[in-house]
Amino acid sequence: ENQNVYIDLGKVEAVLTPNEQIPGEIY
């Protein structure tokens, strides 16, 4: 959502923002 990638870690959700994403990597 809004270029953020939300990752399920079990009991909590982690946020991978655009600045922390590898350029060109497809999720």
mmCIF file of all heavy atoms, coordinates in Angstrom:
data_MODEL
# 
_entry.id   MODEL 
# 
loop_
_atom_site.group_PDB 
_atom_site.id 
_atom_site.type_symbol 
_atom_site.label_atom_id 
_atom_site.label_alt_id 
_atom_site.label_comp_id 
_atom_site.label_asym_id 
_atom_site.label_entity_id 
_atom_site.label_seq_id 
_atom_site.pdbx_PDB_ins_code 
_atom_site.Cartn_x 
_atom_site.Cartn_y 
_atom_site.Cartn_z 
_atom_site.occupancy 
_atom_site.B_iso_or_equiv 
_atom_site.pdbx_formal_charge 
_atom_site.auth_seq_id 
_atom_site.auth_comp_id 
_atom_site.auth_asym_id 
_atom_site.auth_atom_id 
_atom_site.pdbx_PDB_model_num 
ATOM 1   N N   . GLU A 1 1  ? 0.846  -1.196  0.000   1.00 0.00 ? 1  GLU A N   1 
ATOM 2   C CA  . GLU A 1 1  ? 0.000  0.000   0.000   1.00 0.00 ? 1  GLU A CA  1 
ATOM 3   C C   . GLU A 1 1  ? 0.875  1.238   0.000   1.00 0.00 ? 1  GLU A C   1 
ATOM 4   O O   . GLU A 1 1  ? 1.803  1.354   0.807   1.00 0.00 ? 1  GLU A O   1 
ATOM 5   C CB  . GLU A 1 1  ? -0.905 -0.019  1.248   1.00 0.00 ? 1  GLU A CB  1 
ATOM 6   C CG  . GLU A 1 1  ? -1.909 1.109   1.309   1.00 0.00 ? 1  GLU A CG  1 
ATOM 7   C CD  . GLU A 1 1  ? -2.785 1.014   2.553   1.00 0.00 ? 1  GLU A CD  1 
ATOM 8   O OE1 . GLU A 1 1  ? -2.954 -0.099  3.084   1.00 0.00 ? 1  GLU A OE1 1 
ATOM 9   O OE2 . GLU A 1 1  ? -3.282 2.062   2.989   1.00 0.00 ? 1  GLU A OE2 1 
ATOM 10  N N   . ASN A 1 2  ? 0.592  2.178   -0.919  1.00 0.00 ? 2  ASN A N   1 
ATOM 11  C CA  . ASN A 1 2  ? 1.356  3.430   -1.034  1.00 0.00 ? 2  ASN A CA  1 
ATOM 12  C C   . ASN A 1 2  ? 2.865  3.160   -1.119  1.00 0.00 ? 2  ASN A C   1 
ATOM 13  O O   . ASN A 1 2  ? 3.668  3.832   -0.471  1.00 0.00 ? 2  ASN A O   1 
ATOM 14  C CB  . ASN A 1 2  ? 1.059  4.347   0.159   1.00 0.00 ? 2  ASN A CB  1 
ATOM 15  C CG  . ASN A 1 2  ? -0.384 4.786   0.190   1.00 0.00 ? 2  ASN A CG  1 
ATOM 16  O OD1 . ASN A 1 2  ? -1.023 4.950   -0.840  1.00 0.00 ? 2  ASN A OD1 1 
ATOM 17  N ND2 . ASN A 1 2  ? -0.924 4.965   1.394   1.00 0.00 ? 2  ASN A ND2 1 
ATOM 18  N N   . GLN A 1 3  ? 3.209  2.145   -1.893  1.00 0.00 ? 3  GLN A N   1 
ATOM 19  C CA  . GLN A 1 3  ? 4.603  1.741   -2.127  1.00 0.00 ? 3  GLN A CA  1 
ATOM 20  C C   . GLN A 1 3  ? 5.258  1.088   -0.913  1.00 0.00 ? 3  GLN A C   1 
ATOM 21  O O   . GLN A 1 3  ? 6.416  0.670   -0.974  1.00 0.00 ? 3  GLN A O   1 
ATOM 22  C CB  . GLN A 1 3  ? 5.460  2.927   -2.593  1.00 0.00 ? 3  GLN A CB  1 
ATOM 23  C CG  . GLN A 1 3  ? 5.026  3.484   -3.962  1.00 0.00 ? 3  GLN A CG  1 
ATOM 24  C CD  . GLN A 1 3  ? 5.966  4.566   -4.446  1.00 0.00 ? 3  GLN A CD  1 
ATOM 25  O OE1 . GLN A 1 3  ? 6.260  5.525   -3.745  1.00 0.00 ? 3  GLN A OE1 1 
ATOM 26  N NE2 . GLN A 1 3  ? 6.458  4.413   -5.664  1.00 0.00 ? 3  GLN A NE2 1 
ATOM 27  N N   . ASN A 1 4  ? 4.551  1.010   0.206   1.00 0.00 ? 4  ASN A N   1 
ATOM 28  C CA  . ASN A 1 4  ? 5.063  0.287   1.372   1.00 0.00 ? 4  ASN A CA  1 
ATOM 29  C C   . ASN A 1 4  ? 4.723  -1.189  1.239   1.00 0.00 ? 4  ASN A C   1 
ATOM 30  O O   . ASN A 1 4  ? 3.655  -1.548  0.739   1.00 0.00 ? 4  ASN A O   1 
ATOM 31  C CB  . ASN A 1 4  ? 4.445  0.817   2.665   1.00 0.00 ? 4  ASN A CB  1 
ATOM 32  C CG  . ASN A 1 4  ? 4.905  2.231   2.995   1.00 0.00 ? 4  ASN A CG  1 
ATOM 33  O OD1 . ASN A 1 4  ? 6.055  2.590   2.736   1.00 0.00 ? 4  ASN A OD1 1 
ATOM 34  N ND2 . ASN A 1 4  ? 4.020  3.032   3.546   1.00 0.00 ? 4  ASN A ND2 1 
ATOM 35  N N   . VAL A 1 5  ? 5.625  -2.041  1.697   1.00 0.00 ? 5  VAL A N   1 
ATOM 36  C CA  . VAL A 1 5  ? 5.380  -3.479  1.707   1.00 0.00 ? 5  VAL A CA  1 
ATOM 37  C C   . VAL A 1 5  ? 5.177  -3.890  3.162   1.00 0.00 ? 5  VAL A C   1 
ATOM 38  O O   . VAL A 1 5  ? 6.010  -3.592  4.025   1.00 0.00 ? 5  VAL A O   1 
ATOM 39  C CB  . VAL A 1 5  ? 6.566  -4.258  1.098   1.00 0.00 ? 5  VAL A CB  1 
ATOM 40  C CG1 . VAL A 1 5  ? 6.304  -5.760  1.155   1.00 0.00 ? 5  VAL A CG1 1 
ATOM 41  C CG2 . VAL A 1 5  ? 6.809  -3.813  -0.341  1.00 0.00 ? 5  VAL A CG2 1 
ATOM 42  N N   . TYR A 1 6  ? 4.040  -4.560  3.439   1.00 0.00 ? 6  TYR A N   1 
ATOM 43  C CA  . TYR A 1 6  ? 3.725  -4.978  4.805   1.00 0.00 ? 6  TYR A CA  1 
ATOM 44  C C   . TYR A 1 6  ? 3.978  -6.475  4.939   1.00 0.00 ? 6  TYR A C   1 
ATOM 45  O O   . TYR A 1 6  ? 3.476  -7.277  4.148   1.00 0.00 ? 6  TYR A O   1 
ATOM 46  C CB  . TYR A 1 6  ? 2.279  -4.632  5.146   1.00 0.00 ? 6  TYR A CB  1 
ATOM 47  C CG  . TYR A 1 6  ? 2.048  -3.133  5.190   1.00 0.00 ? 6  TYR A CG  1 
ATOM 48  C CD1 . TYR A 1 6  ? 1.723  -2.423  4.030   1.00 0.00 ? 6  TYR A CD1 1 
ATOM 49  C CD2 . TYR A 1 6  ? 2.197  -2.428  6.376   1.00 0.00 ? 6  TYR A CD2 1 
ATOM 50  C CE1 . TYR A 1 6  ? 1.540  -1.040  4.061   1.00 0.00 ? 6  TYR A CE1 1 
ATOM 51  C CE2 . TYR A 1 6  ? 2.014  -1.043  6.413   1.00 0.00 ? 6  TYR A CE2 1 
ATOM 52  C CZ  . TYR A 1 6  ? 1.681  -0.365  5.255   1.00 0.00 ? 6  TYR A CZ  1 
ATOM 53  O OH  . TYR A 1 6  ? 1.502  0.995   5.297   1.00 0.00 ? 6  TYR A OH  1 
ATOM 54  N N   . ILE A 1 7  ? 4.779  -6.825  5.951   1.00 0.00 ? 7  ILE A N   1 
ATOM 55  C CA  . ILE A 1 7  ? 5.259  -8.192  6.106   1.00 0.00 ? 7  ILE A CA  1 
ATOM 56  C C   . ILE A 1 7  ? 4.768  -8.766  7.431   1.00 0.00 ? 7  ILE A C   1 
ATOM 57  O O   . ILE A 1 7  ? 4.954  -8.163  8.502   1.00 0.00 ? 7  ILE A O   1 
ATOM 58  C CB  . ILE A 1 7  ? 6.795  -8.229  6.048   1.00 0.00 ? 7  ILE A CB  1 
ATOM 59  C CG1 . ILE A 1 7  ? 7.277  -7.620  4.727   1.00 0.00 ? 7  ILE A CG1 1 
ATOM 60  C CG2 . ILE A 1 7  ? 7.320  -9.653  6.195   1.00 0.00 ? 7  ILE A CG2 1 
ATOM 61  C CD1 . ILE A 1 7  ? 8.750  -7.292  4.700   1.00 0.00 ? 7  ILE A CD1 1 
ATOM 62  N N   . ASP A 1 8  ? 4.144  -9.915  7.367   1.00 0.00 ? 8  ASP A N   1 
ATOM 63  C CA  . ASP A 1 8  ? 3.621  -10.589 8.557   1.00 0.00 ? 8  ASP A CA  1 
ATOM 64  C C   . ASP A 1 8  ? 4.765  -11.322 9.263   1.00 0.00 ? 8  ASP A C   1 
ATOM 65  O O   . ASP A 1 8  ? 5.373  -12.224 8.698   1.00 0.00 ? 8  ASP A O   1 
ATOM 66  C CB  . ASP A 1 8  ? 2.525  -11.574 8.141   1.00 0.00 ? 8  ASP A CB  1 
ATOM 67  C CG  . ASP A 1 8  ? 1.903  -12.286 9.331   1.00 0.00 ? 8  ASP A CG  1 
ATOM 68  O OD1 . ASP A 1 8  ? 2.178  -11.884 10.474  1.00 0.00 ? 8  ASP A OD1 1 
ATOM 69  O OD2 . ASP A 1 8  ? 1.142  -13.254 9.114   1.00 0.00 ? 8  ASP A OD2 1 
ATOM 70  N N   . LEU A 1 9  ? 5.023  -10.924 10.526  1.00 0.00 ? 9  LEU A N   1 
ATOM 71  C CA  . LEU A 1 9  ? 6.071  -11.574 11.311  1.00 0.00 ? 9  LEU A CA  1 
ATOM 72  C C   . LEU A 1 9  ? 5.491  -12.470 12.402  1.00 0.00 ? 9  LEU A C   1 
ATOM 73  O O   . LEU A 1 9  ? 6.188  -12.867 13.329  1.00 0.00 ? 9  LEU A O   1 
ATOM 74  C CB  . LEU A 1 9  ? 6.992  -10.522 11.951  1.00 0.00 ? 9  LEU A CB  1 
ATOM 75  C CG  . LEU A 1 9  ? 7.754  -9.606  10.998  1.00 0.00 ? 9  LEU A CG  1 
ATOM 76  C CD1 . LEU A 1 9  ? 8.615  -8.627  11.787  1.00 0.00 ? 9  LEU A CD1 1 
ATOM 77  C CD2 . LEU A 1 9  ? 8.613  -10.403 10.034  1.00 0.00 ? 9  LEU A CD2 1 
ATOM 78  N N   . GLY A 1 10 ? 4.204  -12.772 12.294  1.00 0.00 ? 10 GLY A N   1 
ATOM 79  C CA  . GLY A 1 10 ? 3.557  -13.596 13.310  1.00 0.00 ? 10 GLY A CA  1 
ATOM 80  C C   . GLY A 1 10 ? 2.506  -12.788 14.038  1.00 0.00 ? 10 GLY A C   1 
ATOM 81  O O   . GLY A 1 10 ? 1.387  -12.642 13.574  1.00 0.00 ? 10 GLY A O   1 
ATOM 82  N N   . LYS A 1 11 ? 2.879  -12.206 15.192  1.00 0.00 ? 11 LYS A N   1 
ATOM 83  C CA  . LYS A 1 11 ? 1.930  -11.414 15.980  1.00 0.00 ? 11 LYS A CA  1 
ATOM 84  C C   . LYS A 1 11 ? 2.019  -9.925  15.673  1.00 0.00 ? 11 LYS A C   1 
ATOM 85  O O   . LYS A 1 11 ? 1.348  -9.117  16.305  1.00 0.00 ? 11 LYS A O   1 
ATOM 86  C CB  . LYS A 1 11 ? 2.169  -11.635 17.475  1.00 0.00 ? 11 LYS A CB  1 
ATOM 87  C CG  . LYS A 1 11 ? 1.786  -13.031 17.946  1.00 0.00 ? 11 LYS A CG  1 
ATOM 88  C CD  . LYS A 1 11 ? 1.894  -13.133 19.461  1.00 0.00 ? 11 LYS A CD  1 
ATOM 89  C CE  . LYS A 1 11 ? 1.420  -14.486 19.947  1.00 0.00 ? 11 LYS A CE  1 
ATOM 90  N NZ  . LYS A 1 11 ? 1.489  -14.595 21.420  1.00 0.00 ? 11 LYS A NZ  1 
ATOM 91  N N   . VAL A 1 12 ? 2.844  -9.571  14.708  1.00 0.00 ? 12 VAL A N   1 
ATOM 92  C CA  . VAL A 1 12 ? 3.022  -8.157  14.389  1.00 0.00 ? 12 VAL A CA  1 
ATOM 93  C C   . VAL A 1 12 ? 3.344  -8.016  12.902  1.00 0.00 ? 12 VAL A C   1 
ATOM 94  O O   . VAL A 1 12 ? 3.783  -8.967  12.259  1.00 0.00 ? 12 VAL A O   1 
ATOM 95  C CB  . VAL A 1 12 ? 4.157  -7.547  15.260  1.00 0.00 ? 12 VAL A CB  1 
ATOM 96  C CG1 . VAL A 1 12 ? 5.503  -8.093  14.840  1.00 0.00 ? 12 VAL A CG1 1 
ATOM 97  C CG2 . VAL A 1 12 ? 4.149  -6.032  15.216  1.00 0.00 ? 12 VAL A CG2 1 
ATOM 98  N N   . GLU A 1 13 ? 3.088  -6.816  12.399  1.00 0.00 ? 13 GLU A N   1 
ATOM 99  C CA  . GLU A 1 13 ? 3.323  -6.527  10.985  1.00 0.00 ? 13 GLU A CA  1 
ATOM 100 C C   . GLU A 1 13 ? 4.522  -5.593  10.863  1.00 0.00 ? 13 GLU A C   1 
ATOM 101 O O   . GLU A 1 13 ? 4.630  -4.606  11.589  1.00 0.00 ? 13 GLU A O   1 
ATOM 102 C CB  . GLU A 1 13 ? 2.066  -5.851  10.420  1.00 0.00 ? 13 GLU A CB  1 
ATOM 103 C CG  . GLU A 1 13 ? 1.979  -5.846  8.918   1.00 0.00 ? 13 GLU A CG  1 
ATOM 104 C CD  . GLU A 1 13 ? 0.637  -5.283  8.459   1.00 0.00 ? 13 GLU A CD  1 
ATOM 105 O OE1 . GLU A 1 13 ? 0.340  -4.113  8.772   1.00 0.00 ? 13 GLU A OE1 1 
ATOM 106 O OE2 . GLU A 1 13 ? -0.105 -6.009  7.805   1.00 0.00 ? 13 GLU A OE2 1 
ATOM 107 N N   . ALA A 1 14 ? 5.441  -5.914  9.967   1.00 0.00 ? 14 ALA A N   1 
ATOM 108 C CA  . ALA A 1 14 ? 6.601  -5.063  9.718   1.00 0.00 ? 14 ALA A CA  1 
ATOM 109 C C   . ALA A 1 14 ? 6.362  -4.237  8.462   1.00 0.00 ? 14 ALA A C   1 
ATOM 110 O O   . ALA A 1 14 ? 5.616  -4.653  7.566   1.00 0.00 ? 14 ALA A O   1 
ATOM 111 C CB  . ALA A 1 14 ? 7.860  -5.911  9.552   1.00 0.00 ? 14 ALA A CB  1 
ATOM 112 N N   . VAL A 1 15 ? 6.997  -3.060  8.415   1.00 0.00 ? 15 VAL A N   1 
ATOM 113 C CA  . VAL A 1 15 ? 6.832  -2.155  7.280   1.00 0.00 ? 15 VAL A CA  1 
ATOM 114 C C   . VAL A 1 15 ? 8.158  -1.984  6.559   1.00 0.00 ? 15 VAL A C   1 
ATOM 115 O O   . VAL A 1 15 ? 9.169  -1.613  7.170   1.00 0.00 ? 15 VAL A O   1 
ATOM 116 C CB  . VAL A 1 15 ? 6.309  -0.776  7.729   1.00 0.00 ? 15 VAL A CB  1 
ATOM 117 C CG1 . VAL A 1 15 ? 6.071  0.120   6.518   1.00 0.00 ? 15 VAL A CG1 1 
ATOM 118 C CG2 . VAL A 1 15 ? 5.041  -0.911  8.550   1.00 0.00 ? 15 VAL A CG2 1 
ATOM 119 N N   . LEU A 1 16 ? 8.138  -2.264  5.257   1.00 0.00 ? 16 LEU A N   1 
ATOM 120 C CA  . LEU A 1 16 ? 9.300  -2.053  4.393   1.00 0.00 ? 16 LEU A CA  1 
ATOM 121 C C   . LEU A 1 16 ? 8.986  -0.849  3.513   1.00 0.00 ? 16 LEU A C   1 
ATOM 122 O O   . LEU A 1 16 ? 8.207  -0.937  2.566   1.00 0.00 ? 16 LEU A O   1 
ATOM 123 C CB  . LEU A 1 16 ? 9.563  -3.302  3.558   1.00 0.00 ? 16 LEU A CB  1 
ATOM 124 C CG  . LEU A 1 16 ? 10.765 -3.274  2.602   1.00 0.00 ? 16 LEU A CG  1 
ATOM 125 C CD1 . LEU A 1 16 ? 12.069 -3.186  3.374   1.00 0.00 ? 16 LEU A CD1 1 
ATOM 126 C CD2 . LEU A 1 16 ? 10.766 -4.506  1.699   1.00 0.00 ? 16 LEU A CD2 1 
ATOM 127 N N   . THR A 1 17 ? 9.575  0.308   3.856   1.00 0.00 ? 17 THR A N   1 
ATOM 128 C CA  . THR A 1 17 ? 9.285  1.545   3.132   1.00 0.00 ? 17 THR A CA  1 
ATOM 129 C C   . THR A 1 17 ? 10.069 1.581   1.818   1.00 0.00 ? 17 THR A C   1 
ATOM 130 O O   . THR A 1 17 ? 11.054 0.854   1.658   1.00 0.00 ? 17 THR A O   1 
ATOM 131 C CB  . THR A 1 17 ? 9.647  2.769   3.980   1.00 0.00 ? 17 THR A CB  1 
ATOM 132 O OG1 . THR A 1 17 ? 11.047 2.745   4.252   1.00 0.00 ? 17 THR A OG1 1 
ATOM 133 C CG2 . THR A 1 17 ? 8.878  2.770   5.305   1.00 0.00 ? 17 THR A CG2 1 
ATOM 134 N N   . PRO A 1 18 ? 9.667  2.446   0.873   1.00 0.00 ? 18 PRO A N   1 
ATOM 135 C CA  . PRO A 1 18 ? 10.370 2.521   -0.419  1.00 0.00 ? 18 PRO A CA  1 
ATOM 136 C C   . PRO A 1 18 ? 11.870 2.760   -0.282  1.00 0.00 ? 18 PRO A C   1 
ATOM 137 O O   . PRO A 1 18 ? 12.663 2.206   -1.039  1.00 0.00 ? 18 PRO A O   1 
ATOM 138 C CB  . PRO A 1 18 ? 9.671  3.690   -1.122  1.00 0.00 ? 18 PRO A CB  1 
ATOM 139 C CG  . PRO A 1 18 ? 8.302  3.717   -0.534  1.00 0.00 ? 18 PRO A CG  1 
ATOM 140 C CD  . PRO A 1 18 ? 8.474  3.308   0.896   1.00 0.00 ? 18 PRO A CD  1 
ATOM 141 N N   . ASN A 1 19 ? 12.280 3.596   0.698   1.00 0.00 ? 19 ASN A N   1 
ATOM 142 C CA  . ASN A 1 19 ? 13.702 3.901   0.877   1.00 0.00 ? 19 ASN A CA  1 
ATOM 143 C C   . ASN A 1 19 ? 14.520 2.686   1.314   1.00 0.00 ? 19 ASN A C   1 
ATOM 144 O O   . ASN A 1 19 ? 15.741 2.659   1.140   1.00 0.00 ? 19 ASN A O   1 
ATOM 145 C CB  . ASN A 1 19 ? 13.884 5.014   1.918   1.00 0.00 ? 19 ASN A CB  1 
ATOM 146 C CG  . ASN A 1 19 ? 13.424 6.357   1.401   1.00 0.00 ? 19 ASN A CG  1 
ATOM 147 O OD1 . ASN A 1 19 ? 13.313 6.559   0.189   1.00 0.00 ? 19 ASN A OD1 1 
ATOM 148 N ND2 . ASN A 1 19 ? 13.140 7.276   2.308   1.00 0.00 ? 19 ASN A ND2 1 
ATOM 149 N N   . GLU A 1 20 ? 13.846 1.698   1.885   1.00 0.00 ? 20 GLU A N   1 
ATOM 150 C CA  . GLU A 1 20 ? 14.546 0.507   2.373   1.00 0.00 ? 20 GLU A CA  1 
ATOM 151 C C   . GLU A 1 20 ? 14.394 -0.682  1.422   1.00 0.00 ? 20 GLU A C   1 
ATOM 152 O O   . GLU A 1 20 ? 14.824 -1.790  1.744   1.00 0.00 ? 20 GLU A O   1 
ATOM 153 C CB  . GLU A 1 20 ? 14.026 0.131   3.771   1.00 0.00 ? 20 GLU A CB  1 
ATOM 154 C CG  . GLU A 1 20 ? 14.208 1.199   4.829   1.00 0.00 ? 20 GLU A CG  1 
ATOM 155 C CD  . GLU A 1 20 ? 15.667 1.500   5.132   1.00 0.00 ? 20 GLU A CD  1 
ATOM 156 O OE1 . GLU A 1 20 ? 16.525 0.648   4.818   1.00 0.00 ? 20 GLU A OE1 1 
ATOM 157 O OE2 . GLU A 1 20 ? 15.960 2.585   5.665   1.00 0.00 ? 20 GLU A OE2 1 
ATOM 158 N N   . GLN A 1 21 ? 13.778 -0.453  0.276   1.00 0.00 ? 21 GLN A N   1 
ATOM 159 C CA  . GLN A 1 21 ? 13.590 -1.523  -0.701  1.00 0.00 ? 21 GLN A CA  1 
ATOM 160 C C   . GLN A 1 21 ? 14.744 -1.530  -1.701  1.00 0.00 ? 21 GLN A C   1 
ATOM 161 O O   . GLN A 1 21 ? 15.251 -0.475  -2.092  1.00 0.00 ? 21 GLN A O   1 
ATOM 162 C CB  . GLN A 1 21 ? 12.260 -1.333  -1.440  1.00 0.00 ? 21 GLN A CB  1 
ATOM 163 C CG  . GLN A 1 21 ? 11.045 -1.454  -0.531  1.00 0.00 ? 21 GLN A CG  1 
ATOM 164 C CD  . GLN A 1 21 ? 9.756  -1.021  -1.207  1.00 0.00 ? 21 GLN A CD  1 
ATOM 165 O OE1 . GLN A 1 21 ? 9.670  -0.964  -2.436  1.00 0.00 ? 21 GLN A OE1 1 
ATOM 166 N NE2 . GLN A 1 21 ? 8.734  -0.711  -0.416  1.00 0.00 ? 21 GLN A NE2 1 
ATOM 167 N N   . ILE A 1 22 ? 15.139 -2.729  -2.138  1.00 0.00 ? 22 ILE A N   1 
ATOM 168 C CA  . ILE A 1 22 ? 16.185 -2.849  -3.139  1.00 0.00 ? 22 ILE A CA  1 
ATOM 169 C C   . ILE A 1 22 ? 15.637 -2.356  -4.478  1.00 0.00 ? 22 ILE A C   1 
ATOM 170 O O   . ILE A 1 22 ? 14.565 -2.791  -4.912  1.00 0.00 ? 22 ILE A O   1 
ATOM 171 C CB  . ILE A 1 22 ? 16.648 -4.312  -3.267  1.00 0.00 ? 22 ILE A CB  1 
ATOM 172 C CG1 . ILE A 1 22 ? 17.337 -4.750  -1.974  1.00 0.00 ? 22 ILE A CG1 1 
ATOM 173 C CG2 . ILE A 1 22 ? 17.586 -4.481  -4.458  1.00 0.00 ? 22 ILE A CG2 1 
ATOM 174 C CD1 . ILE A 1 22 ? 17.759 -6.207  -1.955  1.00 0.00 ? 22 ILE A CD1 1 
ATOM 175 N N   . PRO A 1 23 ? 16.318 -1.421  -5.137  1.00 0.00 ? 23 PRO A N   1 
ATOM 176 C CA  . PRO A 1 23 ? 15.838 -0.902  -6.428  1.00 0.00 ? 23 PRO A CA  1 
ATOM 177 C C   . PRO A 1 23 ? 15.575 -2.031  -7.424  1.00 0.00 ? 23 PRO A C   1 
ATOM 178 O O   . PRO A 1 23 ? 16.422 -2.905  -7.626  1.00 0.00 ? 23 PRO A O   1 
ATOM 179 C CB  . PRO A 1 23 ? 16.998 -0.009  -6.902  1.00 0.00 ? 23 PRO A CB  1 
ATOM 180 C CG  . PRO A 1 23 ? 17.692 0.400   -5.651  1.00 0.00 ? 23 PRO A CG  1 
ATOM 181 C CD  . PRO A 1 23 ? 17.588 -0.779  -4.733  1.00 0.00 ? 23 PRO A CD  1 
ATOM 182 N N   . GLY A 1 24 ? 14.388 -1.994  -8.011  1.00 0.00 ? 24 GLY A N   1 
ATOM 183 C CA  . GLY A 1 24 ? 14.040 -2.978  -9.028  1.00 0.00 ? 24 GLY A CA  1 
ATOM 184 C C   . GLY A 1 24 ? 13.558 -4.306  -8.486  1.00 0.00 ? 24 GLY A C   1 
ATOM 185 O O   . GLY A 1 24 ? 13.122 -5.178  -9.259  1.00 0.00 ? 24 GLY A O   1 
ATOM 186 N N   . GLU A 1 25 ? 13.612 -4.503  -7.169  1.00 0.00 ? 25 GLU A N   1 
ATOM 187 C CA  . GLU A 1 25 ? 13.170 -5.785  -6.601  1.00 0.00 ? 25 GLU A CA  1 
ATOM 188 C C   . GLU A 1 25 ? 11.645 -5.867  -6.645  1.00 0.00 ? 25 GLU A C   1 
ATOM 189 O O   . GLU A 1 25 ? 10.942 -4.916  -6.308  1.00 0.00 ? 25 GLU A O   1 
ATOM 190 C CB  . GLU A 1 25 ? 13.663 -5.923  -5.158  1.00 0.00 ? 25 GLU A CB  1 
ATOM 191 C CG  . GLU A 1 25 ? 13.447 -7.307  -4.588  1.00 0.00 ? 25 GLU A CG  1 
ATOM 192 C CD  . GLU A 1 25 ? 14.185 -7.513  -3.266  1.00 0.00 ? 25 GLU A CD  1 
ATOM 193 O OE1 . GLU A 1 25 ? 14.051 -6.651  -2.373  1.00 0.00 ? 25 GLU A OE1 1 
ATOM 194 O OE2 . GLU A 1 25 ? 14.897 -8.525  -3.138  1.00 0.00 ? 25 GLU A OE2 1 
ATOM 195 N N   . ILE A 1 26 ? 11.143 -7.011  -7.063  1.00 0.00 ? 26 ILE A N   1 
ATOM 196 C CA  . ILE A 1 26 ? 9.690  -7.228  -7.182  1.00 0.00 ? 26 ILE A CA  1 
ATOM 197 C C   . ILE A 1 26 ? 9.217  -8.058  -6.000  1.00 0.00 ? 26 ILE A C   1 
ATOM 198 O O   . ILE A 1 26 ? 9.814  -9.092  -5.669  1.00 0.00 ? 26 ILE A O   1 
ATOM 199 C CB  . ILE A 1 26 ? 9.348  -7.931  -8.509  1.00 0.00 ? 26 ILE A CB  1 
ATOM 200 C CG1 . ILE A 1 26 ? 9.771  -7.056  -9.692  1.00 0.00 ? 26 ILE A CG1 1 
ATOM 201 C CG2 . ILE A 1 26 ? 7.858  -8.248  -8.579  1.00 0.00 ? 26 ILE A CG2 1 
ATOM 202 C CD1 . ILE A 1 26 ? 9.635  -7.735  -11.040 1.00 0.00 ? 26 ILE A CD1 1 
ATOM 203 N N   . TYR A 1 27 ? 8.150  -7.606  -5.346  1.00 0.00 ? 27 TYR A N   1 
ATOM 204 C CA  . TYR A 1 27 ? 7.620  -8.293  -4.168  1.00 0.00 ? 27 TYR A CA  1 
ATOM 205 C C   . TYR A 1 27 ? 6.284  -8.949  -4.514  1.00 0.00 ? 27 TYR A C   1 
ATOM 206 O O   . TYR A 1 27 ? 5.402  -8.309  -5.084  1.00 0.00 ? 27 TYR A O   1 
ATOM 207 C CB  . TYR A 1 27 ? 7.465  -7.298  -3.012  1.00 0.00 ? 27 TYR A CB  1 
ATOM 208 C CG  . TYR A 1 27 ? 8.764  -6.597  -2.682  1.00 0.00 ? 27 TYR A CG  1 
ATOM 209 C CD1 . TYR A 1 27 ? 8.992  -5.272  -3.074  1.00 0.00 ? 27 TYR A CD1 1 
ATOM 210 C CD2 . TYR A 1 27 ? 9.783  -7.264  -2.023  1.00 0.00 ? 27 TYR A CD2 1 
ATOM 211 C CE1 . TYR A 1 27 ? 10.192 -4.634  -2.793  1.00 0.00 ? 27 TYR A CE1 1 
ATOM 212 C CE2 . TYR A 1 27 ? 10.997 -6.631  -1.742  1.00 0.00 ? 27 TYR A CE2 1 
ATOM 213 C CZ  . TYR A 1 27 ? 11.187 -5.318  -2.126  1.00 0.00 ? 27 TYR A CZ  1 
ATOM 214 O OH  . TYR A 1 27 ? 12.377 -4.700  -1.852  1.00 0.00 ? 27 TYR A OH  1 
# 
